[in-house]
């Protein structure tokens, strides 16, 4: 059931949602960066939630600034731990 809900949420997720979340965290993304993140999240969410996220973050280094990758890693670990019981 959780996987279904996650998939439904991801289908409704927009680049604007990503930009708003990033802004709340003090990060300003370009249109290209937010589009890349949306595509990556939709494509690799299972790896990010249940597998090894290392390849996903390594690929992100090619598309995002080093600072944005470091912030994304920090937020990833924080929220993964916070919501682990729901996954």
Protein backbone atom coordinates (compact mmCIF):
# COMPACT_ATOMS: atom_id res chain seq x y z
CA UNK A 1 0.00 0.00 0.00
CA UNK A 2 2.82 2.43 0.87
CA UNK A 3 4.47 1.90 -2.52
CA UNK A 4 1.19 2.68 -4.26
CA UNK A 5 0.76 5.91 -2.28
CA UNK A 6 4.35 6.93 -2.97
CA UNK A 7 3.91 6.31 -6.70
CA UNK A 8 0.68 8.34 -6.76
CA UNK A 9 2.37 11.22 -4.94
CA UNK A 10 5.31 11.19 -7.34
CA UNK A 11 2.96 11.36 -10.31
CA UNK A 12 1.55 14.62 -8.93
CA UNK A 13 4.91 16.09 -7.94
CA UNK A 14 5.96 19.14 -9.98
CA UNK A 15 9.11 21.16 -10.48
CA UNK A 16 7.38 23.95 -8.58
CA UNK A 17 6.97 21.63 -5.58
CA UNK A 18 10.67 20.83 -5.72
CA UNK A 19 11.62 24.50 -5.96
CA UNK A 20 9.39 25.42 -3.02
CA UNK A 21 10.86 22.66 -0.87
CA UNK A 22 14.38 23.71 -1.84
CA UNK A 23 13.62 27.34 -1.00
CA UNK A 24 12.37 26.30 2.44
CA UNK A 25 15.78 24.68 2.92
CA UNK A 26 17.61 27.81 1.74
CA UNK A 27 18.49 26.44 -1.69
CA UNK A 28 17.72 28.20 -4.95
CA UNK A 29 17.51 25.82 -7.90
CA UNK A 30 17.64 26.66 -11.58
CA UNK A 31 14.88 25.36 -13.86
CA UNK A 32 17.29 22.76 -15.22
CA UNK A 33 18.19 21.56 -11.73
CA UNK A 34 14.57 21.25 -10.61
CA UNK A 35 13.67 19.40 -13.82
CA UNK A 36 16.61 17.05 -13.34
CA UNK A 37 15.62 16.38 -9.72
CA UNK A 38 12.00 15.68 -10.65
CA UNK A 39 13.04 13.23 -13.37
CA UNK A 40 15.57 11.56 -11.07
CA UNK A 41 13.14 11.22 -8.16
CA UNK A 42 10.45 9.71 -10.38
CA UNK A 43 12.87 7.34 -12.07
CA UNK A 44 14.96 6.25 -9.08
CA UNK A 45 12.64 6.55 -6.09
CA UNK A 46 12.84 2.83 -5.31
CA UNK A 47 16.63 2.92 -5.20
CA UNK A 48 16.49 6.04 -3.03
CA UNK A 49 13.97 4.56 -0.60
CA UNK A 50 14.91 0.89 -0.51
CA UNK A 51 18.30 0.38 -2.13
CA UNK A 52 21.73 1.92 -2.51
CA UNK A 53 21.40 5.62 -3.38
CA UNK A 54 25.12 6.05 -4.13
CA UNK A 55 24.84 5.70 -7.93
CA UNK A 56 21.96 8.18 -8.01
CA UNK A 57 23.95 10.78 -6.07
CA UNK A 58 27.07 10.12 -8.13
CA UNK A 59 25.09 10.85 -11.30
CA UNK A 60 23.61 13.96 -9.67
CA UNK A 61 27.13 15.36 -9.32
CA UNK A 62 27.16 15.72 -13.11
CA UNK A 63 24.00 17.84 -13.11
CA UNK A 64 24.00 19.80 -9.85
CA UNK A 65 26.51 22.00 -8.10
CA UNK A 66 28.64 20.32 -5.45
CA UNK A 67 26.93 22.41 -2.78
CA UNK A 68 23.48 21.28 -3.92
CA UNK A 69 24.56 17.64 -3.95
CA UNK A 70 25.89 17.95 -0.39
CA UNK A 71 22.67 19.59 0.79
CA UNK A 72 20.62 16.91 -0.99
CA UNK A 73 22.62 14.16 0.72
CA UNK A 74 22.15 15.77 4.11
CA UNK A 75 18.40 16.14 3.56
CA UNK A 76 18.14 12.63 2.14
CA UNK A 77 19.68 11.09 5.25
CA UNK A 78 17.62 13.27 7.58
CA UNK A 79 14.26 12.44 5.95
CA UNK A 80 15.13 8.80 5.31
CA UNK A 81 15.76 8.34 9.01
CA UNK A 82 12.75 10.41 10.04
CA UNK A 83 10.28 8.47 7.86
CA UNK A 84 11.91 5.02 7.88
CA UNK A 85 9.02 3.49 9.83
CA UNK A 86 6.59 4.49 7.06
CA UNK A 87 8.58 2.79 4.33
